[in-house]
Amino acid sequence: LSKPSGKRTIPSEVLYDTVGSGLYNYGIKNFWAQSRYYPIVAENDIFSTYGEEMASELTRDSEGRARCKSLEKTEMLLVSLAIAAKGMWGTFEDAFSLLSNPSSIHSTLNISSSTPIHILFLGGTFGNFSKGQEDVAFLRSVRMNKERGDRWILGVDKVKDVGMMEKAYGEHGRLWMMNGLRVAGRVLGNEELFEVNNWDNWSKYNMGKGRMEMGYKALVSHILQIPNLGHEIKIEKDEVIMVMFSNKYTEEEINGIFEQAKMDISKRWTEKESKYWLFSLCSAQQ
């Protein structure tokens, strides 16, 4: 917030406190039910059509243990995996704790060193890394054993009609976004710091960077008195404070990302309207 106007940001973590997570899930379910939030609709179409094939991709030539983020929208895939696999270990947070020290995974889980490790990274989360930098570093951060059969199952959102993307990200979630302002104010020492009548949620596709950007747009000029910073910030009317972004990839871009990360595509799946990909990736190196 101390940056100049037009460059200010708020970390996206403010959106996911207990209240925010509940509002997000409620809003997504209702918006998804109307088939307008395409990322969830597309991903679930892929799960329902190719779930058994994906489970087979993960469990072939393996002892069948898989690991997965705990999310409602993965339910169809998890059912297929549970049928095909011997077991499943851990949550999203558990996985990242283990992946911070990949050499200890097998001993921590008390499984044979020959057991493949499968990492499911679904939804649009991959698009929250900086394109061509953090996304590559993330994929390279875990050493994958090609001979053992280690796999990523990775969700990637495609570039598509701008109107469709802006509609999907802009037509829902105001209560969720406004709760994020309350959380930001609480962190800065005053939960009412951001008067909700002074702000609206904002989203727009950035053509130059190939990503959807979301945040808050000031409806009026005003002053923020920030207790924890000890000074005031002048907010101009129509100023945008960005809270998150979601990269969209062309086929050329995502192939380049995988090449830089030294990953080979073992399988790819898309739904009938080809809005979204799920990839099975293995290491390009032995």
Protein backbone atom coordinates (compact mmCIF):
# COMPACT_ATOMS: atom_id res chain seq x y z
CA LEU A 1 0.00 0.00 0.00
CA SER A 2 2.95 2.35 0.49
CA LYS A 3 3.75 2.12 -3.24
CA PRO A 4 2.62 4.88 -5.64
CA SER A 5 -0.94 4.96 -6.96
CA GLY A 6 -1.45 2.32 -9.64
CA LYS A 7 1.17 -0.02 -8.17
CA ARG A 8 -0.46 -0.87 -4.86
CA THR A 9 -1.34 -4.46 -3.99
CA ILE A 10 -2.88 -6.47 -1.17
CA PRO A 11 -1.79 -10.12 -0.73
CA SER A 12 -4.41 -12.64 -1.81
CA GLU A 13 -4.20 -14.43 1.56
CA VAL A 14 -6.72 -11.86 2.89
CA LEU A 15 -9.40 -13.61 0.81
CA TYR A 16 -9.10 -16.95 2.56
CA ASP A 17 -9.76 -16.55 6.25
CA THR A 18 -12.50 -18.80 7.67
CA VAL A 19 -15.29 -16.45 6.59
CA GLY A 20 -13.73 -15.82 3.18
CA SER A 21 -13.29 -19.51 2.42
CA GLY A 22 -16.93 -20.16 3.30
CA LEU A 23 -18.13 -17.28 1.09
CA TYR A 24 -15.92 -18.48 -1.77
CA ASN A 25 -17.25 -22.03 -1.63
CA TYR A 26 -20.86 -20.87 -1.38
CA GLY A 27 -20.48 -18.41 -4.26
CA ILE A 28 -18.64 -20.82 -6.51
CA LYS A 29 -21.23 -23.56 -5.99
CA ASN A 30 -24.08 -21.25 -6.93
CA PHE A 31 -22.26 -19.67 -9.85
CA TRP A 32 -21.01 -23.05 -11.04
CA ALA A 33 -24.58 -24.39 -10.92
CA GLN A 34 -25.43 -21.79 -13.57
CA SER A 35 -22.51 -23.05 -15.72
CA ARG A 36 -20.93 -19.61 -15.95
CA TYR A 37 -17.74 -20.17 -13.97
CA TYR A 38 -16.02 -22.14 -16.72
CA PRO A 39 -12.85 -23.30 -14.86
CA ILE A 40 -14.82 -25.55 -12.48
CA VAL A 41 -17.28 -26.65 -15.15
CA ALA A 42 -14.44 -27.56 -17.53
CA GLU A 43 -12.38 -29.39 -14.92
CA ASN A 44 -15.31 -31.46 -13.75
CA ASP A 45 -16.22 -32.33 -17.34
CA ILE A 46 -12.71 -33.72 -17.72
CA PHE A 47 -12.97 -35.66 -14.45
CA SER A 48 -16.32 -37.19 -15.34
CA THR A 49 -15.18 -38.14 -18.86
CA TYR A 50 -11.61 -39.26 -18.23
CA GLY A 51 -11.47 -40.06 -14.49
CA GLU A 52 -10.82 -43.78 -14.97
CA GLU A 53 -8.19 -43.10 -17.63
CA MET A 54 -6.47 -40.60 -15.34
CA ALA A 55 -6.49 -43.08 -12.46
CA SER A 56 -4.96 -45.66 -14.77
CA GLU A 57 -2.30 -43.15 -15.84
CA LEU A 58 -1.30 -42.66 -12.21
CA THR A 59 -1.46 -46.23 -11.01
CA ARG A 60 0.02 -48.17 -13.90
CA ASP A 61 3.33 -49.82 -13.08
CA SER A 62 3.06 -48.64 -9.48
CA GLU A 63 2.13 -49.77 -6.00
CA GLY A 64 -0.72 -47.31 -6.30
CA ARG A 65 -0.22 -44.68 -3.60
CA ALA A 66 -1.34 -41.22 -4.67
CA ARG A 67 -1.35 -37.84 -3.00
CA CYS A 68 -3.88 -35.08 -3.49
CA LYS A 69 -5.06 -31.65 -2.43
CA SER A 70 -8.28 -31.88 -0.42
CA LEU A 71 -10.87 -30.06 -2.54
CA GLU A 72 -14.53 -30.75 -3.25
CA LYS A 73 -14.12 -30.33 -6.97
CA THR A 74 -11.63 -33.23 -7.13
CA GLU A 75 -14.20 -35.68 -5.76
CA MET A 76 -14.89 -37.51 -9.03
CA LEU A 77 -11.19 -38.00 -9.72
CA LEU A 78 -10.52 -39.10 -6.15
CA VAL A 79 -13.25 -41.74 -6.36
CA SER A 80 -11.58 -43.14 -9.46
CA LEU A 81 -8.18 -43.05 -7.75
CA ALA A 82 -9.50 -44.68 -4.60
CA ILE A 83 -10.79 -47.59 -6.65
CA ALA A 84 -7.51 -48.00 -8.52
CA ALA A 85 -5.03 -47.16 -5.77
CA LYS A 86 -4.01 -48.83 -2.54
CA GLY A 87 -4.18 -45.60 -0.59
CA MET A 88 -3.96 -41.86 -0.44
CA TRP A 89 -1.94 -39.74 1.94
CA GLY A 90 -2.41 -36.22 3.19
CA THR A 91 -3.88 -32.86 2.36
CA PHE A 92 -2.71 -29.84 0.36
CA GLU A 93 -0.80 -28.49 3.36
CA ASP A 94 0.67 -31.91 4.17
CA ALA A 95 1.90 -32.23 0.62
CA PHE A 96 3.74 -28.91 0.61
CA SER A 97 5.33 -29.72 3.95
CA LEU A 98 6.72 -32.93 2.48
CA LEU A 99 7.67 -31.43 -0.86
CA SER A 100 9.86 -28.88 0.88
CA ASN A 101 12.16 -31.85 1.58
CA PRO A 102 11.48 -34.32 -1.26
CA SER A 103 14.29 -36.69 -0.30
CA SER A 104 12.38 -37.59 2.88
CA ILE A 105 9.01 -38.36 1.26
CA HIS A 106 9.33 -42.14 1.16
CA SER A 107 10.76 -42.51 4.65
CA THR A 108 8.15 -40.13 6.12
CA LEU A 109 5.32 -42.06 4.48
CA ASN A 110 6.97 -45.39 5.35
CA ILE A 111 6.73 -46.63 1.77
CA SER A 112 9.18 -48.32 -0.53
CA SER A 113 11.61 -46.05 -2.36
CA SER A 114 10.37 -47.65 -5.59
CA THR A 115 6.80 -46.37 -5.04
CA PRO A 116 5.93 -43.58 -7.51
CA ILE A 117 4.95 -40.19 -6.13
CA HIS A 118 2.01 -38.51 -7.88
CA ILE A 119 1.30 -34.82 -7.26
CA LEU A 120 -2.15 -33.46 -8.13
CA PHE A 121 -2.14 -29.68 -8.57
CA LEU A 122 -5.61 -28.79 -9.80
CA GLY A 123 -7.79 -25.75 -10.36
CA GLY A 124 -6.26 -22.45 -11.45
CA THR A 125 -3.56 -22.35 -8.76
CA PHE A 126 -0.72 -22.88 -11.26
CA GLY A 127 -1.77 -19.60 -12.89
CA ASN A 128 -1.04 -17.66 -9.71
CA PHE A 129 2.72 -17.91 -10.23
CA SER A 130 4.57 -15.35 -12.35
CA LYS A 131 4.51 -16.59 -15.94
CA GLY A 132 7.77 -18.02 -17.22
CA GLN A 133 9.52 -17.61 -13.85
CA GLU A 134 7.80 -18.85 -10.70
CA ASP A 135 5.74 -21.44 -12.61
CA VAL A 136 8.93 -22.96 -14.06
CA ALA A 137 10.68 -22.81 -10.68
CA PHE A 138 7.71 -24.50 -9.00
CA LEU A 139 7.74 -27.47 -11.38
CA ARG A 140 11.52 -27.79 -11.05
CA SER A 141 11.40 -27.55 -7.25
CA VAL A 142 10.41 -31.21 -6.86
CA ARG A 143 12.79 -33.83 -8.21
CA MET A 144 10.71 -36.32 -10.20
CA ASN A 145 11.97 -39.83 -10.90
CA LYS A 146 11.05 -40.81 -14.46
CA GLU A 147 11.99 -44.47 -14.13
CA ARG A 148 9.95 -44.86 -10.95
CA GLY A 149 6.90 -43.38 -12.71
CA ASP A 150 6.50 -40.12 -10.74
CA ARG A 151 3.83 -37.82 -12.19
CA TRP A 152 2.37 -34.36 -11.93
CA ILE A 153 -1.35 -34.04 -12.73
CA LEU A 154 -1.51 -30.32 -13.47
CA GLY A 155 -4.49 -28.07 -14.23
CA VAL A 156 -3.78 -25.23 -16.68
CA ASP A 157 -6.22 -22.57 -17.93
CA LYS A 158 -6.10 -21.71 -21.63
CA VAL A 159 -6.29 -18.33 -23.32
CA LYS A 160 -9.81 -17.91 -24.68
CA ASP A 161 -12.46 -15.31 -25.47
CA VAL A 162 -11.82 -12.24 -23.30
CA GLY A 163 -15.53 -11.67 -22.71
CA MET A 164 -15.93 -15.20 -21.38
CA MET A 165 -13.02 -14.79 -18.98
CA GLU A 166 -14.08 -11.39 -17.69
CA LYS A 167 -17.65 -12.61 -17.22
CA ALA A 168 -16.48 -15.65 -15.27
CA TYR A 169 -14.27 -13.63 -12.93
CA GLY A 170 -16.37 -10.49 -12.66
CA GLU A 171 -19.98 -11.58 -12.12
CA HIS A 172 -19.68 -13.14 -8.70
CA GLY A 173 -17.87 -12.80 -5.43
CA ARG A 174 -18.43 -9.23 -4.24
CA LEU A 175 -19.19 -10.35 -0.67
CA TRP A 176 -16.11 -12.57 -0.75
CA MET A 177 -13.91 -9.76 -2.03
CA MET A 178 -15.28 -7.23 0.46
CA ASN A 179 -14.54 -9.64 3.29
CA GLY A 180 -10.93 -9.54 2.07
CA LEU A 181 -10.87 -5.79 2.67
CA ARG A 182 -12.08 -6.33 6.23
CA VAL A 183 -9.30 -8.88 6.79
CA ALA A 184 -6.72 -6.47 5.34
CA GLY A 185 -7.97 -3.73 7.63
CA ARG A 186 -7.80 -6.07 10.62
CA VAL A 187 -4.16 -6.89 9.84
CA LEU A 188 -3.38 -3.17 9.57
CA GLY A 189 -4.99 -2.40 12.93
CA ASN A 190 -8.56 -1.37 12.03
CA GLU A 191 -11.07 -3.80 10.54
CA GLU A 192 -13.15 -0.86 9.24
CA LEU A 193 -10.13 0.81 7.58
CA PHE A 194 -11.48 0.09 4.09
CA GLU A 195 -15.03 1.49 4.07
CA VAL A 196 -16.84 -0.93 1.78
CA ASN A 197 -18.97 1.82 0.24
CA ASN A 198 -15.75 3.40 -1.06
CA TRP A 199 -14.76 0.30 -3.04
CA ASP A 200 -16.01 -2.20 -5.59
CA ASN A 201 -14.50 -5.47 -6.76
CA TRP A 202 -12.67 -5.16 -10.08
CA SER A 203 -11.46 -7.62 -12.71
CA LYS A 204 -9.97 -7.22 -16.18
CA TYR A 205 -7.96 -9.28 -18.66
CA ASN A 206 -4.44 -7.92 -19.15
CA MET A 207 -3.72 -8.66 -22.79
CA GLY A 208 -0.03 -7.79 -22.52
CA LYS A 209 0.63 -10.18 -19.64
CA GLY A 210 -1.90 -12.83 -20.68
CA ARG A 211 -3.68 -12.96 -17.35
CA MET A 212 -6.87 -12.06 -15.52
CA GLU A 213 -6.29 -9.46 -12.81
CA MET A 214 -8.61 -8.98 -9.83
CA GLY A 215 -8.71 -6.42 -7.09
CA TYR A 216 -10.48 -3.36 -5.73
CA LYS A 217 -11.45 -0.14 -7.50
CA ALA A 218 -11.93 3.07 -5.52
CA LEU A 219 -15.36 4.63 -6.08
CA VAL A 220 -14.35 7.95 -4.49
CA SER A 221 -11.15 9.76 -3.54
CA HIS A 222 -10.40 9.38 0.16
CA ILE A 223 -7.70 9.05 2.80
CA LEU A 224 -6.68 5.84 4.55
CA GLN A 225 -5.42 6.38 8.10
CA ILE A 226 -3.35 3.25 8.80
CA PRO A 227 -2.62 2.62 12.50
CA ASN A 228 0.09 -0.02 12.01
CA LEU A 229 2.01 2.07 9.46
CA GLY A 230 1.72 5.32 11.35
CA HIS A 231 0.80 7.42 8.33
CA GLU A 232 -1.97 8.14 5.85
CA ILE A 233 -2.40 7.12 2.21
CA LYS A 234 -4.32 9.17 -0.34
CA ILE A 235 -6.52 7.05 -2.60
CA GLU A 236 -7.65 8.54 -5.89
CA LYS A 237 -11.06 7.86 -7.46
CA ASP A 238 -10.87 4.93 -9.93
CA GLU A 239 -7.54 3.75 -8.49
CA VAL A 240 -7.15 -0.05 -8.56
CA ILE A 241 -5.44 -2.09 -5.85
CA MET A 242 -4.67 -5.56 -7.21
CA VAL A 243 -5.16 -8.58 -4.95
CA MET A 244 -4.55 -11.51 -7.30
CA PHE A 245 -3.99 -12.61 -10.88
CA SER A 246 -4.57 -15.78 -12.88
CA ASN A 247 -2.39 -16.56 -15.89
CA LYS A 248 -3.92 -17.97 -19.07
CA TYR A 249 -1.63 -19.91 -21.39
CA THR A 250 -1.42 -20.44 -25.12
CA GLU A 251 -0.29 -23.89 -26.27
CA GLU A 252 3.07 -22.41 -27.30
CA GLU A 253 3.52 -20.81 -23.88
CA ILE A 254 2.70 -23.90 -21.84
CA ASN A 255 4.90 -26.10 -24.01
CA GLY A 256 7.73 -23.61 -23.42
CA ILE A 257 7.11 -23.69 -19.65
CA PHE A 258 7.33 -27.48 -19.61
CA GLU A 259 10.49 -27.43 -21.72
CA GLN A 260 12.16 -24.97 -19.34
CA ALA A 261 11.05 -27.07 -16.37
CA LYS A 262 12.44 -30.20 -18.07
CA MET A 263 9.06 -31.93 -18.07
CA ASP A 264 7.54 -34.17 -20.74
CA ILE A 265 3.81 -34.45 -21.41
CA SER A 266 2.72 -38.02 -20.82
CA LYS A 267 -0.98 -37.31 -21.39
CA ARG A 268 -3.23 -34.31 -21.85
CA TRP A 269 -6.97 -34.02 -21.42
CA THR A 270 -9.43 -31.27 -22.29
CA GLU A 271 -13.19 -30.93 -22.21
CA LYS A 272 -15.41 -30.67 -25.30
CA GLU A 273 -15.14 -26.88 -25.63
CA SER A 274 -11.35 -26.97 -25.10
CA LYS A 275 -11.22 -24.18 -22.50
CA TYR A 276 -8.94 -25.90 -20.03
CA TRP A 277 -6.23 -28.58 -19.83
CA LEU A 278 -5.22 -31.27 -17.40
CA PHE A 279 -1.71 -32.61 -18.03
CA SER A 280 0.08 -35.71 -16.85
CA LEU A 281 3.74 -34.72 -16.68
CA CYS A 282 6.88 -36.75 -16.10
CA SER A 283 10.50 -35.71 -15.87
CA ALA A 284 12.35 -35.32 -19.16
CA GLN A 285 15.47 -36.51 -17.36
CA GLN A 286 16.33 -39.96 -16.06
